[in-house]
Amino acid sequence: MSTISLSDIQIRNTLQPGDLGYIAYIHGDLYARECGYGLNFEAYVLDGLKDFAREYNPTKDQVWICTHHNRIIGSLVAQHRAEKVQLRYFIFLPEYRGIGLGKYLMQQFIGFMQQNGIRHAFLWTTADQQAAIFLYNKFGFQLTEESTSESFDKPVTERRYDLINLPA
């Protein structure tokens, strides 16, 4: 297998029909295999994507749809929330990890915040996502809330991270 590099990935900022369904598929499939999450996790993702689709405003929201050979391999969404932005649907297929794509997308997310004068972002994740949490911390996100649940068909520790007072 050939080595994939960041330069092999195309990133578009336009949302097209089918994108959100494919993002839901990646989440459901990958998290079932890697974390043992069940159908309730996929339902949670679908509910969020449905709301995002209905509220999508290209002047307030930003999407990064990552493709390789015309196939979606990952995504990141910045969803507006009043004076804040929520980082959502940050995922890529395993073979695209470790090439700098996560770092690049986080830089793009921070740039989006700065360009739009947004100083507060937040996200929700689970304790299972250690590599992502490391990256969030590196970019200044801090743990602000934690609880346990079985909402994804297994016991999980849900965590909220906030990035507050980002310099303009």
N, C-alpha and C. Protein backbone atom coordinates (compact mmCIF):
# COMPACT_ATOMS: atom_id res chain seq x y z
N MET A 1 0.84 -1.19 0.00
CA MET A 1 0.00 0.00 0.00
C MET A 1 0.88 1.24 0.00
N SER A 2 0.49 2.23 -0.79
CA SER A 2 1.27 3.46 -0.86
C SER A 2 1.02 4.31 0.38
N THR A 3 1.98 5.15 0.71
CA THR A 3 1.87 6.04 1.84
C THR A 3 1.02 7.24 1.47
N ILE A 4 0.09 7.58 2.32
CA ILE A 4 -0.79 8.72 2.09
C ILE A 4 -0.19 9.92 2.82
N SER A 5 -0.20 11.08 2.15
CA SER A 5 0.28 12.29 2.81
C SER A 5 -0.84 13.33 2.80
N LEU A 6 -0.67 14.34 3.61
CA LEU A 6 -1.66 15.40 3.71
C LEU A 6 -1.94 16.03 2.34
N SER A 7 -0.92 16.12 1.49
CA SER A 7 -1.10 16.74 0.17
C SER A 7 -2.00 15.90 -0.75
N ASP A 8 -2.24 14.64 -0.38
CA ASP A 8 -3.12 13.78 -1.17
C ASP A 8 -4.61 14.03 -0.87
N ILE A 9 -4.89 14.78 0.19
CA ILE A 9 -6.26 14.98 0.65
C ILE A 9 -6.82 16.28 0.08
N GLN A 10 -8.04 16.22 -0.42
CA GLN A 10 -8.73 17.43 -0.86
C GLN A 10 -9.73 17.79 0.25
N ILE A 11 -9.84 19.09 0.51
CA ILE A 11 -10.76 19.56 1.53
C ILE A 11 -11.65 20.62 0.91
N ARG A 12 -12.95 20.38 1.01
CA ARG A 12 -13.89 21.38 0.50
C ARG A 12 -14.72 21.92 1.65
N ASN A 13 -15.16 23.16 1.48
CA ASN A 13 -15.93 23.84 2.51
C ASN A 13 -17.38 24.03 2.11
N THR A 14 -17.80 23.32 1.09
CA THR A 14 -19.20 23.37 0.67
C THR A 14 -19.88 22.08 1.08
N LEU A 15 -21.09 22.20 1.57
CA LEU A 15 -21.87 21.05 1.97
C LEU A 15 -22.71 20.59 0.79
N GLN A 16 -22.61 19.32 0.45
CA GLN A 16 -23.32 18.78 -0.69
C GLN A 16 -24.27 17.67 -0.24
N PRO A 17 -25.34 17.42 -1.02
CA PRO A 17 -26.24 16.32 -0.67
C PRO A 17 -25.46 15.01 -0.54
N GLY A 18 -25.78 14.28 0.50
CA GLY A 18 -25.11 13.01 0.76
C GLY A 18 -23.98 13.11 1.78
N ASP A 19 -23.39 14.30 1.95
CA ASP A 19 -22.28 14.46 2.89
C ASP A 19 -22.67 14.07 4.31
N LEU A 20 -23.78 14.59 4.80
CA LEU A 20 -24.15 14.35 6.19
C LEU A 20 -24.49 12.88 6.43
N GLY A 21 -25.13 12.26 5.46
CA GLY A 21 -25.42 10.83 5.58
C GLY A 21 -24.14 10.01 5.64
N TYR A 22 -23.16 10.39 4.88
CA TYR A 22 -21.90 9.66 4.90
C TYR A 22 -21.14 9.91 6.20
N ILE A 23 -21.22 11.13 6.73
CA ILE A 23 -20.60 11.41 8.02
C ILE A 23 -21.25 10.55 9.11
N ALA A 24 -22.56 10.41 9.05
CA ALA A 24 -23.26 9.54 10.02
C ALA A 24 -22.78 8.10 9.87
N TYR A 25 -22.63 7.64 8.64
CA TYR A 25 -22.17 6.27 8.40
C TYR A 25 -20.78 6.05 8.99
N ILE A 26 -19.86 6.97 8.73
CA ILE A 26 -18.50 6.82 9.25
C ILE A 26 -18.54 6.74 10.78
N HIS A 27 -19.30 7.63 11.41
CA HIS A 27 -19.39 7.61 12.87
C HIS A 27 -19.95 6.29 13.38
N GLY A 28 -21.08 5.87 12.84
CA GLY A 28 -21.71 4.63 13.30
C GLY A 28 -20.81 3.43 13.14
N ASP A 29 -20.22 3.29 11.97
CA ASP A 29 -19.36 2.15 11.68
C ASP A 29 -18.07 2.17 12.50
N LEU A 30 -17.39 3.28 12.48
CA LEU A 30 -16.08 3.37 13.14
C LEU A 30 -16.20 3.25 14.66
N TYR A 31 -17.14 3.95 15.25
CA TYR A 31 -17.27 3.90 16.70
C TYR A 31 -17.80 2.55 17.19
N ALA A 32 -18.56 1.86 16.39
CA ALA A 32 -18.98 0.50 16.76
C ALA A 32 -17.76 -0.41 16.78
N ARG A 33 -16.92 -0.31 15.75
CA ARG A 33 -15.74 -1.17 15.68
C ARG A 33 -14.68 -0.82 16.71
N GLU A 34 -14.42 0.48 16.89
CA GLU A 34 -13.31 0.89 17.76
C GLU A 34 -13.68 1.04 19.23
N CYS A 35 -14.94 1.36 19.50
CA CYS A 35 -15.33 1.66 20.89
C CYS A 35 -16.46 0.79 21.41
N GLY A 36 -17.08 0.02 20.54
CA GLY A 36 -18.19 -0.81 20.97
C GLY A 36 -19.49 -0.05 21.17
N TYR A 37 -19.62 1.14 20.57
CA TYR A 37 -20.85 1.91 20.70
C TYR A 37 -21.93 1.27 19.84
N GLY A 38 -23.18 1.36 20.29
CA GLY A 38 -24.29 0.71 19.60
C GLY A 38 -25.13 1.67 18.79
N LEU A 39 -26.33 1.21 18.46
CA LEU A 39 -27.23 1.98 17.61
C LEU A 39 -27.66 3.31 18.25
N ASN A 40 -27.69 3.37 19.57
CA ASN A 40 -28.07 4.64 20.19
C ASN A 40 -27.04 5.74 19.93
N PHE A 41 -25.78 5.36 19.75
CA PHE A 41 -24.78 6.36 19.37
C PHE A 41 -25.06 6.87 17.96
N GLU A 42 -25.34 5.95 17.05
CA GLU A 42 -25.64 6.36 15.69
C GLU A 42 -26.89 7.24 15.65
N ALA A 43 -27.89 6.91 16.47
CA ALA A 43 -29.11 7.74 16.55
C ALA A 43 -28.77 9.14 17.06
N TYR A 44 -27.87 9.22 18.04
CA TYR A 44 -27.42 10.51 18.57
C TYR A 44 -26.77 11.34 17.46
N VAL A 45 -25.89 10.71 16.70
CA VAL A 45 -25.21 11.41 15.59
C VAL A 45 -26.23 11.86 14.55
N LEU A 46 -27.16 10.98 14.19
CA LEU A 46 -28.17 11.32 13.20
C LEU A 46 -29.06 12.48 13.66
N ASP A 47 -29.43 12.48 14.93
CA ASP A 47 -30.23 13.59 15.46
C ASP A 47 -29.48 14.92 15.33
N GLY A 48 -28.20 14.91 15.70
CA GLY A 48 -27.40 16.12 15.61
C GLY A 48 -27.22 16.58 14.18
N LEU A 49 -26.99 15.64 13.27
CA LEU A 49 -26.82 16.00 11.87
C LEU A 49 -28.12 16.52 11.26
N LYS A 50 -29.24 15.95 11.69
CA LYS A 50 -30.55 16.44 11.22
C LYS A 50 -30.72 17.90 11.63
N ASP A 51 -30.43 18.20 12.90
CA ASP A 51 -30.55 19.58 13.38
C ASP A 51 -29.58 20.50 12.63
N PHE A 52 -28.36 20.03 12.42
CA PHE A 52 -27.39 20.84 11.69
C PHE A 52 -27.88 21.13 10.28
N ALA A 53 -28.41 20.13 9.60
CA ALA A 53 -28.89 20.31 8.23
C ALA A 53 -30.01 21.35 8.18
N ARG A 54 -30.89 21.31 9.15
CA ARG A 54 -32.02 22.26 9.17
C ARG A 54 -31.58 23.67 9.54
N GLU A 55 -30.54 23.80 10.36
CA GLU A 55 -30.09 25.11 10.83
C GLU A 55 -28.88 25.63 10.06
N TYR A 56 -28.37 24.85 9.13
CA TYR A 56 -27.13 25.19 8.43
C TYR A 56 -27.22 26.58 7.80
N ASN A 57 -26.23 27.40 8.13
CA ASN A 57 -26.13 28.75 7.60
C ASN A 57 -24.69 28.94 7.14
N PRO A 58 -24.44 28.92 5.83
CA PRO A 58 -23.06 29.00 5.35
C PRO A 58 -22.33 30.28 5.74
N THR A 59 -23.04 31.30 6.24
CA THR A 59 -22.36 32.50 6.70
C THR A 59 -21.95 32.40 8.17
N LYS A 60 -22.51 31.42 8.91
CA LYS A 60 -22.19 31.26 10.33
C LYS A 60 -21.55 29.92 10.66
N ASP A 61 -21.75 28.94 9.80
CA ASP A 61 -21.22 27.59 10.01
C ASP A 61 -20.12 27.32 9.00
N GLN A 62 -19.27 26.36 9.32
CA GLN A 62 -18.20 25.98 8.39
C GLN A 62 -18.08 24.46 8.39
N VAL A 63 -17.89 23.91 7.22
CA VAL A 63 -17.64 22.47 7.10
C VAL A 63 -16.30 22.26 6.42
N TRP A 64 -15.64 21.20 6.81
CA TRP A 64 -14.43 20.74 6.15
C TRP A 64 -14.70 19.29 5.81
N ILE A 65 -14.95 19.04 4.55
CA ILE A 65 -15.21 17.68 4.07
C ILE A 65 -13.93 17.20 3.40
N CYS A 66 -13.33 16.17 3.98
CA CYS A 66 -12.04 15.66 3.50
C CYS A 66 -12.28 14.49 2.56
N THR A 67 -11.68 14.57 1.38
CA THR A 67 -11.84 13.50 0.41
C THR A 67 -10.47 13.03 -0.10
N HIS A 68 -10.47 11.81 -0.55
CA HIS A 68 -9.30 11.22 -1.18
C HIS A 68 -9.82 10.34 -2.30
N HIS A 69 -9.39 10.59 -3.51
CA HIS A 69 -9.89 9.89 -4.70
C HIS A 69 -11.42 9.96 -4.75
N ASN A 70 -11.97 11.16 -4.51
CA ASN A 70 -13.40 11.45 -4.57
C ASN A 70 -14.24 10.66 -3.56
N ARG A 71 -13.63 10.19 -2.50
CA ARG A 71 -14.33 9.46 -1.44
C ARG A 71 -14.17 10.23 -0.13
N ILE A 72 -15.26 10.46 0.59
CA ILE A 72 -15.17 11.15 1.87
C ILE A 72 -14.42 10.27 2.86
N ILE A 73 -13.38 10.85 3.46
CA ILE A 73 -12.56 10.10 4.42
C ILE A 73 -12.56 10.74 5.80
N GLY A 74 -13.23 11.90 5.92
CA GLY A 74 -13.30 12.55 7.21
C GLY A 74 -13.99 13.89 7.13
N SER A 75 -14.14 14.51 8.32
CA SER A 75 -14.85 15.78 8.36
C SER A 75 -14.57 16.51 9.66
N LEU A 76 -14.94 17.77 9.65
CA LEU A 76 -15.01 18.62 10.83
C LEU A 76 -16.09 19.66 10.53
N VAL A 77 -16.88 19.95 11.54
CA VAL A 77 -17.95 20.93 11.40
C VAL A 77 -17.84 21.96 12.52
N ALA A 78 -17.97 23.23 12.17
CA ALA A 78 -18.10 24.32 13.13
C ALA A 78 -19.55 24.78 13.05
N GLN A 79 -20.31 24.50 14.10
CA GLN A 79 -21.74 24.82 14.12
C GLN A 79 -21.99 26.01 15.04
N HIS A 80 -22.64 27.04 14.51
CA HIS A 80 -22.89 28.24 15.31
C HIS A 80 -23.87 27.95 16.44
N ARG A 81 -23.59 28.59 17.57
CA ARG A 81 -24.41 28.48 18.78
C ARG A 81 -24.41 29.83 19.45
N ALA A 82 -25.28 30.74 19.04
CA ALA A 82 -25.35 32.10 19.58
C ALA A 82 -23.97 32.75 19.44
N GLU A 83 -23.31 33.09 20.55
CA GLU A 83 -22.00 33.75 20.51
C GLU A 83 -20.85 32.75 20.49
N LYS A 84 -21.17 31.47 20.43
CA LYS A 84 -20.16 30.41 20.49
C LYS A 84 -20.20 29.60 19.19
N VAL A 85 -19.25 28.69 19.09
CA VAL A 85 -19.26 27.73 18.00
C VAL A 85 -18.98 26.36 18.60
N GLN A 86 -19.68 25.36 18.08
CA GLN A 86 -19.47 23.99 18.56
C GLN A 86 -18.66 23.22 17.53
N LEU A 87 -17.60 22.59 17.98
CA LEU A 87 -16.78 21.73 17.14
C LEU A 87 -17.46 20.36 17.13
N ARG A 88 -17.81 19.87 15.93
CA ARG A 88 -18.56 18.62 15.82
C ARG A 88 -18.05 17.78 14.65
N TYR A 89 -18.36 16.50 14.71
CA TYR A 89 -18.15 15.55 13.60
C TYR A 89 -16.71 15.56 13.09
N PHE A 90 -15.79 15.59 14.05
CA PHE A 90 -14.35 15.58 13.76
C PHE A 90 -13.91 14.12 13.73
N ILE A 91 -13.74 13.60 12.54
CA ILE A 91 -13.47 12.17 12.39
C ILE A 91 -12.77 11.92 11.07
N PHE A 92 -11.91 10.92 11.05
CA PHE A 92 -11.39 10.41 9.77
C PHE A 92 -11.21 8.92 9.88
N LEU A 93 -11.19 8.31 8.72
CA LEU A 93 -10.95 6.87 8.66
C LEU A 93 -9.55 6.57 9.19
N PRO A 94 -9.37 5.40 9.80
CA PRO A 94 -8.09 5.08 10.46
C PRO A 94 -6.86 5.23 9.57
N GLU A 95 -6.96 4.88 8.32
CA GLU A 95 -5.78 4.95 7.45
C GLU A 95 -5.34 6.38 7.14
N TYR A 96 -6.12 7.37 7.58
CA TYR A 96 -5.77 8.77 7.35
C TYR A 96 -5.35 9.47 8.64
N ARG A 97 -5.15 8.72 9.68
CA ARG A 97 -4.67 9.27 10.94
C ARG A 97 -3.14 9.30 10.92
N GLY A 98 -2.59 10.26 11.65
CA GLY A 98 -1.14 10.34 11.78
C GLY A 98 -0.43 11.03 10.64
N ILE A 99 -1.18 11.68 9.74
CA ILE A 99 -0.54 12.38 8.61
C ILE A 99 -0.60 13.90 8.77
N GLY A 100 -1.13 14.36 9.92
CA GLY A 100 -1.23 15.79 10.16
C GLY A 100 -2.57 16.40 9.80
N LEU A 101 -3.51 15.57 9.38
CA LEU A 101 -4.82 16.08 8.97
C LEU A 101 -5.58 16.68 10.16
N GLY A 102 -5.53 16.03 11.31
CA GLY A 102 -6.22 16.55 12.49
C GLY A 102 -5.69 17.91 12.90
N LYS A 103 -4.38 18.02 12.94
CA LYS A 103 -3.74 19.30 13.30
C LYS A 103 -4.12 20.37 12.28
N TYR A 104 -4.08 20.04 11.01
CA TYR A 104 -4.43 21.00 9.97
C TYR A 104 -5.88 21.47 10.12
N LEU A 105 -6.80 20.53 10.36
CA LEU A 105 -8.20 20.91 10.51
C LEU A 105 -8.42 21.76 11.76
N MET A 106 -7.72 21.45 12.83
CA MET A 106 -7.85 22.27 14.04
C MET A 106 -7.33 23.69 13.77
N GLN A 107 -6.26 23.82 13.02
CA GLN A 107 -5.76 25.15 12.65
C GLN A 107 -6.81 25.90 11.82
N GLN A 108 -7.46 25.19 10.91
CA GLN A 108 -8.51 25.80 10.10
C GLN A 108 -9.69 26.24 10.96
N PHE A 109 -10.05 25.40 11.93
CA PHE A 109 -11.14 25.71 12.85
C PHE A 109 -10.82 26.98 13.65
N ILE A 110 -9.62 27.06 14.20
CA ILE A 110 -9.20 28.25 14.97
C ILE A 110 -9.19 29.48 14.05
N GLY A 111 -8.71 29.32 12.84
CA GLY A 111 -8.72 30.42 11.87
C GLY A 111 -10.14 30.89 11.57
N PHE A 112 -11.07 29.96 11.44
CA PHE A 112 -12.47 30.31 11.22
C PHE A 112 -13.00 31.14 12.38
N MET A 113 -12.67 30.72 13.61
CA MET A 113 -13.10 31.47 14.79
C MET A 113 -12.54 32.89 14.76
N GLN A 114 -11.25 33.01 14.49
CA GLN A 114 -10.60 34.32 14.48
C GLN A 114 -11.18 35.23 13.39
N GLN A 115 -11.39 34.68 12.21
CA GLN A 115 -11.94 35.47 11.10
C GLN A 115 -13.34 35.99 11.40
N ASN A 116 -14.06 35.25 12.24
CA ASN A 116 -15.44 35.61 12.54
C ASN A 116 -15.62 36.24 13.92
N GLY A 117 -14.51 36.55 14.58
CA GLY A 117 -14.58 37.19 15.89
C GLY A 117 -15.21 36.34 16.97
N ILE A 118 -15.13 35.04 16.83
CA ILE A 118 -15.69 34.12 17.82
C ILE A 118 -14.60 33.79 18.82
N ARG A 119 -14.90 33.98 20.10
CA ARG A 119 -13.87 33.78 21.12
C ARG A 119 -14.14 32.58 22.01
N HIS A 120 -15.25 31.86 21.77
CA HIS A 120 -15.59 30.73 22.63
C HIS A 120 -16.08 29.57 21.76
N ALA A 121 -15.42 28.43 21.94
CA ALA A 121 -15.85 27.20 21.28
C ALA A 121 -15.99 26.11 22.32
N PHE A 122 -16.78 25.11 22.00
CA PHE A 122 -16.90 23.96 22.88
C PHE A 122 -17.14 22.72 22.05
N LEU A 123 -16.95 21.59 22.69
CA LEU A 123 -17.19 20.30 22.04
C LEU A 123 -17.55 19.28 23.10
N TRP A 124 -18.18 18.21 22.66
CA TRP A 124 -18.47 17.05 23.51
C TRP A 124 -17.76 15.86 22.92
N THR A 125 -17.19 15.03 23.77
CA THR A 125 -16.54 13.80 23.34
C THR A 125 -16.66 12.79 24.47
N THR A 126 -16.01 11.67 24.31
CA THR A 126 -15.97 10.68 25.38
C THR A 126 -14.51 10.42 25.75
N ALA A 127 -14.32 9.88 26.93
CA ALA A 127 -12.97 9.59 27.42
C ALA A 127 -12.26 8.58 26.52
N ASP A 128 -13.01 7.85 25.70
CA ASP A 128 -12.42 6.88 24.77
C ASP A 128 -11.56 7.54 23.70
N GLN A 129 -11.77 8.80 23.43
CA GLN A 129 -11.13 9.48 22.31
C GLN A 129 -9.83 10.17 22.73
N GLN A 130 -8.88 9.40 23.21
CA GLN A 130 -7.65 9.96 23.78
C GLN A 130 -6.81 10.75 22.78
N ALA A 131 -6.68 10.27 21.55
CA ALA A 131 -5.88 11.00 20.56
C ALA A 131 -6.51 12.35 20.25
N ALA A 132 -7.83 12.38 20.11
CA ALA A 132 -8.52 13.65 19.84
C ALA A 132 -8.40 14.58 21.04
N ILE A 133 -8.55 14.05 22.25
CA ILE A 133 -8.45 14.87 23.45
C ILE A 133 -7.06 15.50 23.55
N PHE A 134 -6.02 14.75 23.22
CA PHE A 134 -4.67 15.29 23.21
C PHE A 134 -4.59 16.49 22.27
N LEU A 135 -5.17 16.36 21.09
CA LEU A 135 -5.16 17.44 20.11
C LEU A 135 -5.98 18.63 20.60
N TYR A 136 -7.15 18.38 21.18
CA TYR A 136 -7.96 19.48 21.71
C TYR A 136 -7.19 20.26 22.77
N ASN A 137 -6.55 19.52 23.68
CA ASN A 137 -5.76 20.18 24.73
C ASN A 137 -4.62 21.01 24.13
N LYS A 138 -3.98 20.48 23.12
CA LYS A 138 -2.88 21.18 22.45
C LYS A 138 -3.33 22.52 21.88
N PHE A 139 -4.60 22.59 21.47
CA PHE A 139 -5.13 23.82 20.90
C PHE A 139 -5.86 24.69 21.93
N GLY A 140 -5.72 24.34 23.20
CA GLY A 140 -6.22 25.21 24.26
C GLY A 140 -7.56 24.85 24.85
N PHE A 141 -8.19 23.79 24.38
CA PHE A 141 -9.46 23.36 24.97
C PHE A 141 -9.19 22.77 26.35
N GLN A 142 -10.08 23.09 27.29
CA GLN A 142 -9.95 22.59 28.66
C GLN A 142 -11.21 21.86 29.07
N LEU A 143 -11.03 20.79 29.82
CA LEU A 143 -12.15 20.01 30.33
C LEU A 143 -12.97 20.87 31.29
N THR A 144 -14.29 20.96 31.03
CA THR A 144 -15.15 21.79 31.88
C THR A 144 -16.31 21.01 32.48
N GLU A 145 -16.58 19.82 31.97
CA GLU A 145 -17.71 19.05 32.47
C GLU A 145 -17.47 17.58 32.17
N GLU A 146 -17.93 16.73 33.07
CA GLU A 146 -17.76 15.29 32.88
C GLU A 146 -18.91 14.56 33.56
N SER A 147 -19.43 13.55 32.90
CA SER A 147 -20.49 12.73 33.49
C SER A 147 -20.41 11.33 32.87
N THR A 148 -21.03 10.39 33.54
CA THR A 148 -21.07 9.03 33.01
C THR A 148 -22.49 8.71 32.57
N SER A 149 -22.59 7.87 31.56
CA SER A 149 -23.90 7.46 31.07
C SER A 149 -23.75 6.13 30.35
N GLU A 150 -24.87 5.58 29.95
CA GLU A 150 -24.89 4.39 29.10
C GLU A 150 -25.65 4.70 27.82
N SER A 151 -25.62 5.97 27.43
CA SER A 151 -26.42 6.43 26.30
C SER A 151 -25.95 5.88 24.95
N PHE A 152 -24.75 5.31 24.89
CA PHE A 152 -24.26 4.75 23.64
C PHE A 152 -24.21 3.22 23.70
N ASP A 153 -25.09 2.65 24.52
CA ASP A 153 -25.26 1.20 24.68
C ASP A 153 -24.10 0.54 25.43
N LYS A 154 -23.35 1.33 26.15
CA LYS A 154 -22.30 0.83 27.03
C LYS A 154 -21.92 1.98 27.97
N PRO A 155 -21.31 1.68 29.09
CA PRO A 155 -20.90 2.77 29.98
C PRO A 155 -19.82 3.65 29.32
N VAL A 156 -20.04 4.96 29.34
CA VAL A 156 -19.06 5.91 28.79
C VAL A 156 -18.93 7.10 29.73
N THR A 157 -17.78 7.74 29.65
CA THR A 157 -17.58 9.01 30.34
C THR A 157 -17.64 10.09 29.27
N GLU A 158 -18.69 10.91 29.36
CA GLU A 158 -18.86 12.00 28.41
C GLU A 158 -18.16 13.24 28.97
N ARG A 159 -17.51 13.98 28.07
CA ARG A 159 -16.74 15.14 28.49
C ARG A 159 -17.04 16.33 27.60
N ARG A 160 -17.11 17.48 28.25
CA ARG A 160 -17.22 18.75 27.52
C ARG A 160 -15.89 19.48 27.68
N TYR A 161 -15.40 19.99 26.56
CA TYR A 161 -14.18 20.81 26.54
C TYR A 161 -14.56 22.18 25.98
N ASP A 162 -13.99 23.23 26.59
CA ASP A 162 -14.24 24.59 26.14
C ASP A 162 -12.93 25.29 25.81
N LEU A 163 -12.99 26.12 24.80
CA LEU A 163 -11.91 27.03 24.43
C LEU A 163 -12.50 28.42 24.61
N ILE A 164 -12.01 29.14 25.62
CA ILE A 164 -12.59 30.42 25.98
C ILE A 164 -11.56 31.53 25.82
N ASN A 165 -12.06 32.67 25.36
CA ASN A 165 -11.23 33.88 25.20
C ASN A 165 -10.11 33.70 24.19
N LEU A 166 -10.44 33.10 23.07
CA LEU A 166 -9.48 32.99 21.98
C LEU A 166 -9.11 34.41 21.54
N PRO A 167 -7.82 34.71 21.45
CA PRO A 167 -7.43 36.06 21.00
C PRO A 167 -7.94 36.32 19.59
N ALA A 168 -8.36 37.53 19.35
CA ALA A 168 -8.89 37.90 18.01
C ALA A 168 -7.79 37.99 17.00
